[in-house]
Each structure stands twice: as C-alpha cells, then as structure tokens.
C-alpha cells in the first residue's frame, strides 16, 4: 500500500544501508509525525510487534536521518514534530493521507492496514452496491494472465435478452462508480468496455488471437487542459483555480482514450449544451483537440 522511498536518496546512501523492514518502520515514524504531530515508542511496538529496544533504535535512526523532524517532550514523554519538519517519505503527501483515510472510511481496508493513528470524523456520499461474482473476476484475471478468450453470457443495455459473447480481456478499468473489463468483442469485432457485474455466466475458454497491443484506444493517451469558465468573475475564477489545483490558470489531465467518455461525464463536459458558468465552472481549453479522440 505504501511506496517506501525517500524523497532524498542521498540521505539513505550517506547514513548506511537500511533494510526494507526497518525502512517501513522509519516511514511509519515519518507518517505519524507528519499527520499526528506526535509519536511514542508504544506506537511502533503496537503496530509492528517489535521490542522496546528495537523501537528506540528505530527512533534514533530516524533522528539521525532527520534531526530537525522531531523533538522529545520530557514532560509528556512523547516525540513531537519539529517546527521545521520536512517529510522524508512520499507518505507525507496529502493525497496519500486522504486516500488512506477514504479507504478506511469506506471499509475497503481495516484501520490497522495503514499508518493512520488519530483520525478525524469522516463521512462519504453513499453509492449503491455493485454485486460482482468473485468467480467471474477470478476467471477474467486468469484469462488475461494466460492470454485466453472467454465465452460468456452478457446482459447489455442495448438488448432486452442476454447474449453469448466471446471476449478476449486484457485490462480492468474503473469509471468512478463501476468496474469494467476492457476486452476485444469477437461478435462486434472491436475493443469495448463491459460492466463486470453484467456478466451472468462463463461457459468456456478459447485461445485468444488478439492482444492489448491491438487496442489503440487503450494505448492512446489524451491530454485535457482545464481552465475556469470564461463567464465567471475574476474572484470565482480564482476559487476554481484553487479547487482544481491549477497552475497559471490551468490544469492538465491525461486519460486513456478508452476512458475519455467517463472522464468527460464526471467533469460535466460530455454534453454539447451550454450551462451557467456557476454550474459549469470549467471548460476545455483544447476542446477541438480532445474532440478528435471522442468516440460513440
């Protein structure tokens, strides 16, 4: 779940080799100081099951690597984040913290599976559950791994009755709400997205003669340049720039062409209608360029 890498490689090289198991504990120290502002030896002992001497050694090693990152409060018997704290690991990134917090709040991972200690009250917008057969997912993964095609029964929205399909799957995709399998449809002779929950049964396997290298829409990256809606006031444009993390009034997203439809839908940019600036908020600066990649 965590990428155990220092921001500054020279720190590791200059302080001697660090084994991965200790590096993860050092990352834990860094994370707790960054987001909790404090750390006890007992935090390391409880989370990793290490001895008290080992926890002390880990804290000493972290202090050697980043002497300005922690100070010991003798009255509270706790290590506090220093005033000039600078995270050593990528887990100091706010996006990583919020993603871990979200995963815990949604029940996707147990609280003990990440480094978060104290956490604020968190609420998420509920979405309907998407039933998905574990056996179906396992079969899709096996087919991708072994280069097989699957003969299956699929319920599409374009037909009232289920139909038999022969699909050569090569990737999974999430549109923000549902999981899809990206596959070559031997019935329509093209690569398409199939909602996994709509696969009713799998009846057999065959050798596939199509691979991911043939899926041009999957391999093609599309650049989207987002800017505030020109109809907004200067003050509102500044707000949108902050909301979307824009630099010099724009932000660039890159998306696979195969997923472009879903991204434009999420951004409210899939239709041709003109919405109020306050509702639209953003527009595509390179709309004509993006339009060349739109399908369907």
Foldseek 3Di string as FASTA:
>chain_A
DFDLDFPDVVLCVVLDHDDPVLSVVLLLVLLCCLPVQKDALVLSCVLVVDDSVVSVVSVVSNCVSPVQQWDADVVVRIIGGHPPHDRTGPCSDPVNVVVLVVCCQVVVDPPSVDSDDDDDDDDDDDDDDQDADPVLVVVLVVLQVVQKWWWFWFDDPVDPHIDTWIWRFHDWDDLPHFIWTWTQTPVVRATATGGRSRTPTTDDIGHDPDYPVVHQLQVDKDKWKKFFDPVDDPVLRVVLCVVVVHDPGIDIDIDRLNNVCSVCVVLVNNDPDDDDSVVNGMDTPPVVRNVVSDDD
